[in-house]
Amino acid sequence: MFVFCNPFFEIGVNDEWVYVGLARSLAETGRIHLDGWVRAMALPQTVWGALAIKIAGFSFAAVRASMIPIVLRCCALSYAIARWLGLGEWMAALTVSEMLFCPLFLPLATTFMTEVPSDCLS
């Protein structure tokens, strides 16, 4: 599904450039400067992105690809919550697939923005 949204453009989408810029700064200098409106989820996101940049080098595709494990974790967590709430295996899987194919979730899952990680935490 990640490939269907064409996440390989080397340009920031929406506010993604801010988060990628913070991750790049942390990877290159070892320091982070959190600016006013990016404080809520920026620290864990920045550390994760800096790790991806250190491993793969700087590119928007590298930090976007680093979101794949987070999306998979979010799916596994959603399935576990659905099962914990008493849904059967089939209904829990349907719940996860409904989330995955949501017109808002899928495009945001292919960006380096904080929406998907915050979905996993809330």
PDB file of N, CA and C in Angstrom:
ATOM      1  N   MET A   1       0.817  -1.197   0.000  1.00  0.00           N
ATOM      2  CA  MET A   1       0.000   0.000   0.000  1.00  0.00           C
ATOM      3  C   MET A   1       0.855   1.252   0.000  1.00  0.00           C
ATOM      4  N   PHE A   2       2.021   1.175   0.626  1.00  0.00           N
ATOM      5  CA  PHE A   2       2.909   2.324   0.706  1.00  0.00           C
ATOM      6  C   PHE A   2       3.267   2.840  -0.679  1.00  0.00           C
ATOM      7  N   VAL A   3       3.514   1.939  -1.611  1.00  0.00           N
ATOM      8  CA  VAL A   3       3.942   2.314  -2.957  1.00  0.00           C
ATOM      9  C   VAL A   3       2.807   2.946  -3.761  1.00  0.00           C
ATOM     10  N   PHE A   4       1.558   2.574  -3.484  1.00  0.00           N
ATOM     11  CA  PHE A   4       0.432   3.096  -4.246  1.00  0.00           C
ATOM     12  C   PHE A   4       0.251   4.602  -4.080  1.00  0.00           C
ATOM     13  N   CYS A   5       0.708   5.166  -2.986  1.00  0.00           N
ATOM     14  CA  CYS A   5       0.578   6.614  -2.765  1.00  0.00           C
ATOM     15  C   CYS A   5       1.761   7.388  -3.332  1.00  0.00           C
ATOM     16  N   ASN A   6       2.695   6.708  -3.980  1.00  0.00           N
ATOM     17  CA  ASN A   6       3.834   7.330  -4.632  1.00  0.00           C
ATOM     18  C   ASN A   6       4.604   8.257  -3.689  1.00  0.00           C
ATOM     19  N   PRO A   7       5.246   7.684  -2.655  1.00  0.00           N
ATOM     20  CA  PRO A   7       5.943   8.520  -1.675  1.00  0.00           C
ATOM     21  C   PRO A   7       7.375   8.873  -2.058  1.00  0.00           C
ATOM     22  N   PHE A   8       7.731   8.792  -3.320  1.00  0.00           N
ATOM     23  CA  PHE A   8       9.125   8.927  -3.719  1.00  0.00           C
ATOM     24  C   PHE A   8       9.501  10.307  -4.237  1.00  0.00           C
ATOM     25  N   PHE A   9       8.626  11.290  -4.124  1.00  0.00           N
ATOM     26  CA  PHE A   9       8.981  12.650  -4.511  1.00  0.00           C
ATOM     27  C   PHE A   9       9.930  13.228  -3.467  1.00  0.00           C
ATOM     28  N   GLU A  10      10.954  13.888  -3.918  1.00  0.00           N
ATOM     29  CA  GLU A  10      11.922  14.490  -3.003  1.00  0.00           C
ATOM     30  C   GLU A  10      11.521  15.918  -2.663  1.00  0.00           C
ATOM     31  N   ILE A  11      10.323  16.062  -2.155  1.00  0.00           N
ATOM     32  CA  ILE A  11       9.811  17.361  -1.738  1.00  0.00           C
ATOM     33  C   ILE A  11       8.855  17.128  -0.573  1.00  0.00           C
ATOM     34  N   GLY A  12       8.839  18.061   0.361  1.00  0.00           N
ATOM     35  CA  GLY A  12       7.968  17.921   1.522  1.00  0.00           C
ATOM     36  C   GLY A  12       6.509  18.101   1.166  1.00  0.00           C
ATOM     37  N   VAL A  13       5.666  17.351   1.828  1.00  0.00           N
ATOM     38  CA  VAL A  13       4.226  17.431   1.640  1.00  0.00           C
ATOM     39  C   VAL A  13       3.629  18.071   2.891  1.00  0.00           C
ATOM     40  N   ASN A  14       2.772  19.055   2.707  1.00  0.00           N
ATOM     41  CA  ASN A  14       2.155  19.772   3.833  1.00  0.00           C
ATOM     42  C   ASN A  14       3.225  20.266   4.796  1.00  0.00           C
ATOM     43  N   ASP A  15       3.159  19.846   6.050  1.00  0.00           N
ATOM     44  CA  ASP A  15       4.137  20.287   7.060  1.00  0.00           C
ATOM     45  C   ASP A  15       5.264  19.296   7.250  1.00  0.00           C
ATOM     46  N   GLU A  16       5.338  18.309   6.401  1.00  0.00           N
ATOM     47  CA  GLU A  16       6.346  17.259   6.545  1.00  0.00           C
ATOM     48  C   GLU A  16       7.767  17.809   6.510  1.00  0.00           C
ATOM     49  N   TRP A  17       8.001  18.837   5.733  1.00  0.00           N
ATOM     50  CA  TRP A  17       9.347  19.385   5.602  1.00  0.00           C
ATOM     51  C   TRP A  17       9.900  19.860   6.940  1.00  0.00           C
ATOM     52  N   VAL A  18       9.031  20.295   7.849  1.00  0.00           N
ATOM     53  CA  VAL A  18       9.488  20.743   9.166  1.00  0.00           C
ATOM     54  C   VAL A  18      10.042  19.564   9.956  1.00  0.00           C
ATOM     55  N   TYR A  19       9.299  18.446   9.967  1.00  0.00           N
ATOM     56  CA  TYR A  19       9.733  17.276  10.718  1.00  0.00           C
ATOM     57  C   TYR A  19      10.980  16.655  10.111  1.00  0.00           C
ATOM     58  N   VAL A  20      11.057  16.613   8.801  1.00  0.00           N
ATOM     59  CA  VAL A  20      12.246  16.081   8.135  1.00  0.00           C
ATOM     60  C   VAL A  20      13.435  17.002   8.388  1.00  0.00           C
ATOM     61  N   GLY A  21      13.205  18.294   8.380  1.00  0.00           N
ATOM     62  CA  GLY A  21      14.282  19.243   8.675  1.00  0.00           C
ATOM     63  C   GLY A  21      14.817  19.096  10.091  1.00  0.00           C
ATOM     64  N   LEU A  22      13.930  18.883  11.050  1.00  0.00           N
ATOM     65  CA  LEU A  22      14.373  18.643  12.423  1.00  0.00           C
ATOM     66  C   LEU A  22      15.186  17.359  12.519  1.00  0.00           C
ATOM     67  N   ALA A  23      14.736  16.303  11.854  1.00  0.00           N
ATOM     68  CA  ALA A  23      15.461  15.029  11.872  1.00  0.00           C
ATOM     69  C   ALA A  23      16.825  15.165  11.202  1.00  0.00           C
ATOM     70  N   ARG A  24      16.866  15.896  10.107  1.00  0.00           N
ATOM     71  CA  ARG A  24      18.151  16.106   9.413  1.00  0.00           C
ATOM     72  C   ARG A  24      19.114  16.899  10.289  1.00  0.00           C
ATOM     73  N   SER A  25      18.610  17.927  10.931  1.00  0.00           N
ATOM     74  CA  SER A  25      19.441  18.733  11.822  1.00  0.00           C
ATOM     75  C   SER A  25      19.996  17.893  12.968  1.00  0.00           C
ATOM     76  N   LEU A  26      19.153  17.059  13.558  1.00  0.00           N
ATOM     77  CA  LEU A  26      19.598  16.193  14.647  1.00  0.00           C
ATOM     78  C   LEU A  26      20.629  15.186  14.155  1.00  0.00           C
ATOM     79  N   ALA A  27      20.421  14.613  12.978  1.00  0.00           N
ATOM     80  CA  ALA A  27      21.364  13.635  12.434  1.00  0.00           C
ATOM     81  C   ALA A  27      22.712  14.262  12.115  1.00  0.00           C
ATOM     82  N   GLU A  28      22.698  15.500  11.626  1.00  0.00           N
ATOM     83  CA  GLU A  28      23.945  16.145  11.219  1.00  0.00           C
ATOM     84  C   GLU A  28      24.687  16.810  12.362  1.00  0.00           C
ATOM     85  N   THR A  29      23.960  17.438  13.278  1.00  0.00           N
ATOM     86  CA  THR A  29      24.617  18.221  14.331  1.00  0.00           C
ATOM     87  C   THR A  29      24.538  17.581  15.711  1.00  0.00           C
ATOM     88  N   GLY A  30      23.598  16.686  15.900  1.00  0.00           N
ATOM     89  CA  GLY A  30      23.416  16.098  17.227  1.00  0.00           C
ATOM     90  C   GLY A  30      22.614  16.984  18.159  1.00  0.00           C
ATOM     91  N   ARG A  31      22.077  18.061  17.644  1.00  0.00           N
ATOM     92  CA  ARG A  31      21.271  18.990  18.441  1.00  0.00           C
ATOM     93  C   ARG A  31      19.905  19.156  17.811  1.00  0.00           C
ATOM     94  N   ILE A  32      18.945  19.495  18.655  1.00  0.00           N
ATOM     95  CA  ILE A  32      17.592  19.706  18.170  1.00  0.00           C
ATOM     96  C   ILE A  32      17.072  21.015  18.750  1.00  0.00           C
ATOM     97  N   HIS A  33      16.404  21.759  17.908  1.00  0.00           N
ATOM     98  CA  HIS A  33      15.761  23.000  18.345  1.00  0.00           C
ATOM     99  C   HIS A  33      14.281  22.885  18.000  1.00  0.00           C
ATOM    100  N   LEU A  34      13.466  22.659  19.030  1.00  0.00           N
ATOM    101  CA  LEU A  34      12.028  22.516  18.809  1.00  0.00           C
ATOM    102  C   LEU A  34      11.390  23.888  18.743  1.00  0.00           C
ATOM    103  N   ASP A  35      10.709  24.138  17.662  1.00  0.00           N
ATOM    104  CA  ASP A  35      10.032  25.397  17.432  1.00  0.00           C
ATOM    105  C   ASP A  35       8.601  25.284  17.944  1.00  0.00           C
ATOM    106  N   GLY A  36       8.020  26.358  18.383  1.00  0.00           N
ATOM    107  CA  GLY A  36       6.700  26.433  18.986  1.00  0.00           C
ATOM    108  C   GLY A  36       5.685  25.356  18.656  1.00  0.00           C
ATOM    109  N   TRP A  37       5.130  25.322  17.449  1.00  0.00           N
ATOM    110  CA  TRP A  37       3.994  24.462  17.151  1.00  0.00           C
ATOM    111  C   TRP A  37       4.368  23.014  16.887  1.00  0.00           C
ATOM    112  N   VAL A  38       5.653  22.678  16.784  1.00  0.00           N
ATOM    113  CA  VAL A  38       6.029  21.299  16.494  1.00  0.00           C
ATOM    114  C   VAL A  38       6.403  20.505  17.740  1.00  0.00           C
ATOM    115  N   ARG A  39       6.173  21.042  18.900  1.00  0.00           N
ATOM    116  CA  ARG A  39       6.634  20.388  20.120  1.00  0.00           C
ATOM    117  C   ARG A  39       5.862  19.139  20.505  1.00  0.00           C
ATOM    118  N   ALA A  40       4.605  19.036  20.166  1.00  0.00           N
ATOM    119  CA  ALA A  40       3.752  17.967  20.686  1.00  0.00           C
ATOM    120  C   ALA A  40       4.318  16.571  20.423  1.00  0.00           C
ATOM    121  N   MET A  41       4.557  16.231  19.176  1.00  0.00           N
ATOM    122  CA  MET A  41       5.073  14.906  18.844  1.00  0.00           C
ATOM    123  C   MET A  41       6.458  14.975  18.207  1.00  0.00           C
ATOM    124  N   ALA A  42       7.067  16.126  18.188  1.00  0.00           N
ATOM    125  CA  ALA A  42       8.283  16.287  17.395  1.00  0.00           C
ATOM    126  C   ALA A  42       9.480  15.531  17.939  1.00  0.00           C
ATOM    127  N   LEU A  43       9.637  15.394  19.225  1.00  0.00           N
ATOM    128  CA  LEU A  43      10.846  14.761  19.743  1.00  0.00           C
ATOM    129  C   LEU A  43      10.949  13.289  19.345  1.00  0.00           C
ATOM    130  N   PRO A  44       9.953  12.441  19.622  1.00  0.00           N
ATOM    131  CA  PRO A  44      10.099  11.046  19.178  1.00  0.00           C
ATOM    132  C   PRO A  44      10.177  10.919  17.658  1.00  0.00           C
ATOM    133  N   GLN A  45       9.424  11.734  16.955  1.00  0.00           N
ATOM    134  CA  GLN A  45       9.432  11.709  15.492  1.00  0.00           C
ATOM    135  C   GLN A  45      10.809  12.117  14.968  1.00  0.00           C
ATOM    136  N   THR A  46      11.406  13.114  15.576  1.00  0.00           N
ATOM    137  CA  THR A  46      12.707  13.602  15.138  1.00  0.00           C
ATOM    138  C   THR A  46      13.799  12.569  15.390  1.00  0.00           C
ATOM    139  N   VAL A  47      13.768  11.940  16.536  1.00  0.00           N
ATOM    140  CA  VAL A  47      14.765  10.917  16.849  1.00  0.00           C
ATOM    141  C   VAL A  47      14.634   9.741  15.870  1.00  0.00           C
ATOM    142  N   TRP A  48      13.406   9.325  15.596  1.00  0.00           N
ATOM    143  CA  TRP A  48      13.174   8.241  14.653  1.00  0.00           C
ATOM    144  C   TRP A  48      13.677   8.611  13.256  1.00  0.00           C
ATOM    145  N   GLY A  49      13.379   9.817  12.823  1.00  0.00           N
ATOM    146  CA  GLY A  49      13.832  10.268  11.510  1.00  0.00           C
ATOM    147  C   GLY A  49      15.339  10.413  11.428  1.00  0.00           C
ATOM    148  N   ALA A  50      15.963  10.906  12.503  1.00  0.00           N
ATOM    149  CA  ALA A  50      17.422  11.041  12.523  1.00  0.00           C
ATOM    150  C   ALA A  50      18.087   9.674  12.432  1.00  0.00           C
ATOM    151  N   LEU A  51      17.501   8.674  13.075  1.00  0.00           N
ATOM    152  CA  LEU A  51      18.019   7.313  12.979  1.00  0.00           C
ATOM    153  C   LEU A  51      17.929   6.803  11.532  1.00  0.00           C
ATOM    154  N   ALA A  52      16.812   7.064  10.877  1.00  0.00           N
ATOM    155  CA  ALA A  52      16.655   6.656   9.476  1.00  0.00           C
ATOM    156  C   ALA A  52      17.648   7.377   8.577  1.00  0.00           C
ATOM    157  N   ILE A  53      17.899   8.650   8.845  1.00  0.00           N
ATOM    158  CA  ILE A  53      18.857   9.418   8.042  1.00  0.00           C
ATOM    159  C   ILE A  53      20.271   8.912   8.267  1.00  0.00           C
ATOM    160  N   LYS A  54      20.606   8.572   9.504  1.00  0.00           N
ATOM    161  CA  LYS A  54      21.930   8.026   9.795  1.00  0.00           C
ATOM    162  C   LYS A  54      22.149   6.701   9.071  1.00  0.00           C
ATOM    163  N   ILE A  55      21.095   5.882   8.994  1.00  0.00           N
ATOM    164  CA  ILE A  55      21.221   4.563   8.363  1.00  0.00           C
ATOM    165  C   ILE A  55      21.229   4.663   6.844  1.00  0.00           C
ATOM    166  N   ALA A  56      20.286   5.413   6.272  1.00  0.00           N
ATOM    167  CA  ALA A  56      20.093   5.409   4.818  1.00  0.00           C
ATOM    168  C   ALA A  56      20.587   6.675   4.125  1.00  0.00           C
ATOM    169  N   GLY A  57      21.011   7.681   4.854  1.00  0.00           N
ATOM    170  CA  GLY A  57      21.373   8.944   4.227  1.00  0.00           C
ATOM    171  C   GLY A  57      20.134   9.812   4.078  1.00  0.00           C
ATOM    172  N   PHE A  58      20.354  11.102   3.852  1.00  0.00           N
ATOM    173  CA  PHE A  58      19.214  12.007   3.796  1.00  0.00           C
ATOM    174  C   PHE A  58      18.470  11.893   2.487  1.00  0.00           C
ATOM    175  N   SER A  59      17.187  11.637   2.597  1.00  0.00           N
ATOM    176  CA  SER A  59      16.245  11.754   1.491  1.00  0.00           C
ATOM    177  C   SER A  59      14.847  11.671   2.082  1.00  0.00           C
ATOM    178  N   PHE A  60      13.921  12.293   1.408  1.00  0.00           N
ATOM    179  CA  PHE A  60      12.536  12.219   1.874  1.00  0.00           C
ATOM    180  C   PHE A  60      12.029  10.779   1.800  1.00  0.00           C
ATOM    181  N   ALA A  61      12.465  10.040   0.796  1.00  0.00           N
ATOM    182  CA  ALA A  61      12.032   8.641   0.653  1.00  0.00           C
ATOM    183  C   ALA A  61      12.513   7.798   1.834  1.00  0.00           C
ATOM    184  N   ALA A  62      13.716   8.065   2.332  1.00  0.00           N
ATOM    185  CA  ALA A  62      14.241   7.286   3.462  1.00  0.00           C
ATOM    186  C   ALA A  62      13.425   7.528   4.727  1.00  0.00           C
ATOM    187  N   VAL A  63      13.118   8.784   5.028  1.00  0.00           N
ATOM    188  CA  VAL A  63      12.346   9.041   6.249  1.00  0.00           C
ATOM    189  C   VAL A  63      10.900   8.601   6.089  1.00  0.00           C
ATOM    190  N   ARG A  64      10.379   8.671   4.870  1.00  0.00           N
ATOM    191  CA  ARG A  64       9.018   8.162   4.651  1.00  0.00           C
ATOM    192  C   ARG A  64       8.983   6.647   4.791  1.00  0.00           C
ATOM    193  N   ALA A  65       9.994   5.966   4.277  1.00  0.00           N
ATOM    194  CA  ALA A  65      10.053   4.507   4.406  1.00  0.00           C
ATOM    195  C   ALA A  65      10.217   4.099   5.868  1.00  0.00           C
ATOM    196  N   SER A  66      10.811   4.960   6.671  1.00  0.00           N
ATOM    197  CA  SER A  66      10.953   4.638   8.098  1.00  0.00           C
ATOM    198  C   SER A  66       9.605   4.606   8.808  1.00  0.00           C
ATOM    199  N   MET A  67       8.574   5.125   8.163  1.00  0.00           N
ATOM    200  CA  MET A  67       7.234   5.100   8.756  1.00  0.00           C
ATOM    201  C   MET A  67       6.555   3.739   8.611  1.00  0.00           C
ATOM    202  N   ILE A  68       7.060   2.877   7.749  1.00  0.00           N
ATOM    203  CA  ILE A  68       6.440   1.567   7.526  1.00  0.00           C
ATOM    204  C   ILE A  68       6.338   0.757   8.820  1.00  0.00           C
ATOM    205  N   PRO A  69       7.413   0.629   9.638  1.00  0.00           N
ATOM    206  CA  PRO A  69       7.260  -0.122  10.889  1.00  0.00           C
ATOM    207  C   PRO A  69       6.252   0.521  11.851  1.00  0.00           C
ATOM    208  N   ILE A  70       6.160   1.839  11.827  1.00  0.00           N
ATOM    209  CA  ILE A  70       5.206   2.521  12.707  1.00  0.00           C
ATOM    210  C   ILE A  70       3.780   2.234  12.261  1.00  0.00           C
ATOM    211  N   VAL A  71       3.551   2.244  10.955  1.00  0.00           N
ATOM    212  CA  VAL A  71       2.215   1.925  10.423  1.00  0.00           C
ATOM    213  C   VAL A  71       1.847   0.481  10.756  1.00  0.00           C
ATOM    214  N   LEU A  72       2.798  -0.430  10.601  1.00  0.00           N
ATOM    215  CA  LEU A  72       2.536  -1.835  10.931  1.00  0.00           C
ATOM    216  C   LEU A  72       2.244  -2.009  12.418  1.00  0.00           C
ATOM    217  N   ARG A  73       2.975  -1.272  13.254  1.00  0.00           N
ATOM    218  CA  ARG A  73       2.718  -1.328  14.696  1.00  0.00           C
ATOM    219  C   ARG A  73       1.326  -0.782  15.017  1.00  0.00           C
ATOM    220  N   CYS A  74       0.949   0.263  14.337  1.00  0.00           N
ATOM    221  CA  CYS A  74      -0.375   0.844  14.546  1.00  0.00           C
ATOM    222  C   CYS A  74      -1.459  -0.161  14.159  1.00  0.00           C
ATOM    223  N   CYS A  75      -1.240  -0.887  13.080  1.00  0.00           N
ATOM    224  CA  CYS A  75      -2.209  -1.912  12.658  1.00  0.00           C
ATOM    225  C   CYS A  75      -2.290  -3.034  13.683  1.00  0.00           C
ATOM    226  N   ALA A  76      -1.133  -3.497  14.143  1.00  0.00           N
ATOM    227  CA  ALA A  76      -1.116  -4.571  15.141  1.00  0.00           C
ATOM    228  C   ALA A  76      -1.774  -4.117  16.435  1.00  0.00           C
ATOM    229  N   LEU A  77      -1.516  -2.880  16.830  1.00  0.00           N
ATOM    230  CA  LEU A  77      -2.120  -2.349  18.043  1.00  0.00           C
ATOM    231  C   LEU A  77      -3.631  -2.202  17.890  1.00  0.00           C
ATOM    232  N   SER A  78      -4.079  -1.760  16.746  1.00  0.00           N
ATOM    233  CA  SER A  78      -5.524  -1.643  16.499  1.00  0.00           C
ATOM    234  C   SER A  78      -6.200  -3.007  16.518  1.00  0.00           C
ATOM    235  N   TYR A  79      -5.545  -4.001  15.945  1.00  0.00           N
ATOM    236  CA  TYR A  79      -6.088  -5.365  15.968  1.00  0.00           C
ATOM    237  C   TYR A  79      -6.172  -5.874  17.407  1.00  0.00           C
ATOM    238  N   ALA A  80      -5.104  -5.650  18.186  1.00  0.00           N
ATOM    239  CA  ALA A  80      -5.092  -6.104  19.577  1.00  0.00           C
ATOM    240  C   ALA A  80      -6.183  -5.417  20.393  1.00  0.00           C
ATOM    241  N   ILE A  81      -6.393  -4.136  20.165  1.00  0.00           N
ATOM    242  CA  ILE A  81      -7.445  -3.412  20.891  1.00  0.00           C
ATOM    243  C   ILE A  81      -8.819  -3.940  20.501  1.00  0.00           C
ATOM    244  N   ALA A  82      -9.030  -4.200  19.225  1.00  0.00           N
ATOM    245  CA  ALA A  82     -10.318  -4.742  18.771  1.00  0.00           C
ATOM    246  C   ALA A  82     -10.578  -6.111  19.392  1.00  0.00           C
ATOM    247  N   ARG A  83      -9.552  -6.947  19.469  1.00  0.00           N
ATOM    248  CA  ARG A  83      -9.712  -8.258  20.101  1.00  0.00           C
ATOM    249  C   ARG A  83      -9.971  -8.113  21.600  1.00  0.00           C
ATOM    250  N   TRP A  84      -9.277  -7.171  22.228  1.00  0.00           N
ATOM    251  CA  TRP A  84      -9.452  -6.935  23.660  1.00  0.00           C
ATOM    252  C   TRP A  84     -10.875  -6.456  23.958  1.00  0.00           C
ATOM    253  N   LEU A  85     -11.449  -5.706  23.031  1.00  0.00           N
ATOM    254  CA  LEU A  85     -12.825  -5.230  23.204  1.00  0.00           C
ATOM    255  C   LEU A  85     -13.866  -6.315  22.944  1.00  0.00           C
ATOM    256  N   GLY A  86     -13.422  -7.497  22.523  1.00  0.00           N
ATOM    257  CA  GLY A  86     -14.329  -8.612  22.363  1.00  0.00           C
ATOM    258  C   GLY A  86     -14.741  -8.923  20.941  1.00  0.00           C
ATOM    259  N   LEU A  87     -14.171  -8.261  19.963  1.00  0.00           N
ATOM    260  CA  LEU A  87     -14.497  -8.573  18.574  1.00  0.00           C
ATOM    261  C   LEU A  87     -13.846  -9.893  18.173  1.00  0.00           C
ATOM    262  N   GLY A  88     -14.480 -10.606  17.290  1.00  0.00           N
ATOM    263  CA  GLY A  88     -13.899 -11.837  16.763  1.00  0.00           C
ATOM    264  C   GLY A  88     -12.721 -11.531  15.857  1.00  0.00           C
ATOM    265  N   GLU A  89     -12.007 -12.585  15.475  1.00  0.00           N
ATOM    266  CA  GLU A  89     -10.820 -12.393  14.638  1.00  0.00           C
ATOM    267  C   GLU A  89     -11.167 -11.722  13.309  1.00  0.00           C
ATOM    268  N   TRP A  90     -12.259 -12.171  12.698  1.00  0.00           N
ATOM    269  CA  TRP A  90     -12.644 -11.619  11.404  1.00  0.00           C
ATOM    270  C   TRP A  90     -13.038 -10.152  11.521  1.00  0.00           C
ATOM    271  N   MET A  91     -13.807  -9.808  12.550  1.00  0.00           N
ATOM    272  CA  MET A  91     -14.230  -8.412  12.733  1.00  0.00           C
ATOM    273  C   MET A  91     -13.047  -7.508  13.099  1.00  0.00           C
ATOM    274  N   ALA A  92     -12.115  -8.037  13.886  1.00  0.00           N
ATOM    275  CA  ALA A  92     -10.918  -7.255  14.223  1.00  0.00           C
ATOM    276  C   ALA A  92     -10.079  -7.004  12.973  1.00  0.00           C
ATOM    277  N   ALA A  93      -9.952  -8.005  12.123  1.00  0.00           N
ATOM    278  CA  ALA A  93      -9.212  -7.830  10.869  1.00  0.00           C
ATOM    279  C   ALA A  93      -9.929  -6.847   9.949  1.00  0.00           C
ATOM    280  N   LEU A  94     -11.245  -6.901   9.920  1.00  0.00           N
ATOM    281  CA  LEU A  94     -12.021  -5.960   9.124  1.00  0.00           C
ATOM    282  C   LEU A  94     -11.843  -4.527   9.644  1.00  0.00           C
ATOM    283  N   THR A  95     -11.783  -4.388  10.955  1.00  0.00           N
ATOM    284  CA  THR A  95     -11.555  -3.070  11.558  1.00  0.00           C
ATOM    285  C   THR A  95     -10.208  -2.503  11.124  1.00  0.00           C
ATOM    286  N   VAL A  96      -9.180  -3.325  11.161  1.00  0.00           N
ATOM    287  CA  VAL A  96      -7.840  -2.876  10.755  1.00  0.00           C
ATOM    288  C   VAL A  96      -7.811  -2.537   9.269  1.00  0.00           C
ATOM    289  N   SER A  97      -8.439  -3.367   8.440  1.00  0.00           N
ATOM    290  CA  SER A  97      -8.432  -3.073   7.005  1.00  0.00           C
ATOM    291  C   SER A  97      -9.235  -1.808   6.701  1.00  0.00           C
ATOM    292  N   GLU A  98     -10.273  -1.571   7.478  1.00  0.00           N
ATOM    293  CA  GLU A  98     -11.036  -0.326   7.300  1.00  0.00           C
ATOM    294  C   GLU A  98     -10.171   0.885   7.624  1.00  0.00           C
ATOM    295  N   MET A  99      -9.365   0.772   8.670  1.00  0.00           N
ATOM    296  CA  MET A  99      -8.457   1.862   9.021  1.00  0.00           C
ATOM    297  C   MET A  99      -7.396   2.035   7.931  1.00  0.00           C
ATOM    298  N   LEU A 100      -6.843   0.942   7.451  1.00  0.00           N
ATOM    299  CA  LEU A 100      -5.785   1.006   6.447  1.00  0.00           C
ATOM    300  C   LEU A 100      -6.236   1.640   5.140  1.00  0.00           C
ATOM    301  N   PHE A 101      -7.467   1.363   4.734  1.00  0.00           N
ATOM    302  CA  PHE A 101      -7.955   1.881   3.461  1.00  0.00           C
ATOM    303  C   PHE A 101      -8.727   3.185   3.601  1.00  0.00           C
ATOM    304  N   CYS A 102      -8.680   3.778   4.772  1.00  0.00           N
ATOM    305  CA  CYS A 102      -9.333   5.061   4.998  1.00  0.00           C
ATOM    306  C   CYS A 102      -8.662   6.120   4.118  1.00  0.00           C
ATOM    307  N   PRO A 103      -9.444   6.961   3.468  1.00  0.00           N
ATOM    308  CA  PRO A 103      -8.850   7.971   2.585  1.00  0.00           C
ATOM    309  C   PRO A 103      -7.968   8.986   3.305  1.00  0.00           C
ATOM    310  N   LEU A 104      -8.053   9.073   4.605  1.00  0.00           N
ATOM    311  CA  LEU A 104      -7.166   9.968   5.346  1.00  0.00           C
ATOM    312  C   LEU A 104      -5.923   9.240   5.846  1.00  0.00           C
ATOM    313  N   PHE A 105      -6.088   8.010   6.304  1.00  0.00           N
ATOM    314  CA  PHE A 105      -4.969   7.276   6.895  1.00  0.00           C
ATOM    315  C   PHE A 105      -3.920   6.896   5.863  1.00  0.00           C
ATOM    316  N   LEU A 106      -4.330   6.352   4.750  1.00  0.00           N
ATOM    317  CA  LEU A 106      -3.383   5.839   3.760  1.00  0.00           C
ATOM    318  C   LEU A 106      -2.435   6.916   3.218  1.00  0.00           C
ATOM    319  N   PRO A 107      -2.917   8.061   2.776  1.00  0.00           N
ATOM    320  CA  PRO A 107      -1.954   9.080   2.310  1.00  0.00           C
ATOM    321  C   PRO A 107      -1.061   9.616   3.424  1.00  0.00           C
ATOM    322  N   LEU A 108      -1.586   9.737   4.636  1.00  0.00           N
ATOM    323  CA  LEU A 108      -0.764  10.240   5.732  1.00  0.00           C
ATOM    324  C   LEU A 108       0.240   9.202   6.206  1.00  0.00           C
ATOM    325  N   ALA A 109      -0.048   7.925   5.980  1.00  0.00           N
ATOM    326  CA  ALA A 109       0.888   6.870   6.364  1.00  0.00           C
ATOM    327  C   ALA A 109       2.138   6.889   5.500  1.00  0.00           C
ATOM    328  N   THR A 110       2.080   7.519   4.351  1.00  0.00           N
ATOM    329  CA  THR A 110       3.236   7.580   3.457  1.00  0.00           C
ATOM    330  C   THR A 110       3.990   8.894   3.588  1.00  0.00           C
ATOM    331  N   THR A 111       3.707   9.658   4.610  1.00  0.00           N
ATOM    332  CA  THR A 111       4.442  10.895   4.864  1.00  0.00           C
ATOM    333  C   THR A 111       5.144  10.772   6.203  1.00  0.00           C
ATOM    334  N   PHE A 112       6.010  11.705   6.487  1.00  0.00           N
ATOM    335  CA  PHE A 112       6.736  11.722   7.759  1.00  0.00           C
ATOM    336  C   PHE A 112       6.085  12.707   8.720  1.00  0.00           C
ATOM    337  N   MET A 113       4.772  12.729   8.723  1.00  0.00           N
ATOM    338  CA  MET A 113       4.057  13.620   9.617  1.00  0.00           C
ATOM    339  C   MET A 113       3.611  12.851  10.861  1.00  0.00           C
ATOM    340  N   THR A 114       3.095  13.531  11.839  1.00  0.00           N
ATOM    341  CA  THR A 114       2.836  12.925  13.149  1.00  0.00           C
ATOM    342  C   THR A 114       1.456  12.312  13.288  1.00  0.00           C
ATOM    343  N   GLU A 115       0.642  12.313  12.256  1.00  0.00           N
ATOM    344  CA  GLU A 115      -0.723  11.821  12.399  1.00  0.00           C
ATOM    345  C   GLU A 115      -0.787  10.328  12.734  1.00  0.00           C
ATOM    346  N   VAL A 116      -0.037   9.517  12.019  1.00  0.00           N
ATOM    347  CA  VAL A 116      -0.080   8.072  12.253  1.00  0.00           C
ATOM    348  C   VAL A 116       0.509   7.704  13.618  1.00  0.00           C
ATOM    349  N   PRO A 117       1.693   8.208  14.000  1.00  0.00           N
ATOM    350  CA  PRO A 117       2.172   7.883  15.343  1.00  0.00           C
ATOM    351  C   PRO A 117       1.228   8.358  16.453  1.00  0.00           C
ATOM    352  N   SER A 118       0.592   9.488  16.263  1.00  0.00           N
ATOM    353  CA  SER A 118      -0.344   9.950  17.294  1.00  0.00           C
ATOM    354  C   SER A 118      -1.618   9.108  17.312  1.00  0.00           C
ATOM    355  N   ASP A 119      -1.997   8.524  16.170  1.00  0.00           N
ATOM    356  CA  ASP A 119      -3.118   7.570  16.170  1.00  0.00           C
ATOM    357  C   ASP A 119      -2.781   6.351  16.994  1.00  0.00           C
ATOM    358  N   CYS A 120      -1.538   5.915  16.920  1.00  0.00           N
ATOM    359  CA  CYS A 120      -1.123   4.726  17.687  1.00  0.00           C
ATOM    360  C   CYS A 120      -1.096   5.005  19.172  1.00  0.00           C
ATOM    361  N   LEU A 121      -0.849   6.236  19.554  1.00  0.00           N
ATOM    362  CA  LEU A 121      -0.761   6.577  20.968  1.00  0.00           C
ATOM    363  C   LEU A 121      -2.087   6.952  21.582  1.00  0.00           C
ATOM    364  N   SER A 122      -3.067   7.319  20.754  1.00  0.00           N
ATOM    365  CA  SER A 122      -4.341   7.758  21.339  1.00  0.00           C
ATOM    366  C   SER A 122      -5.368   6.661  21.328  1.00  0.00           C
TER     367      SER A 122
END
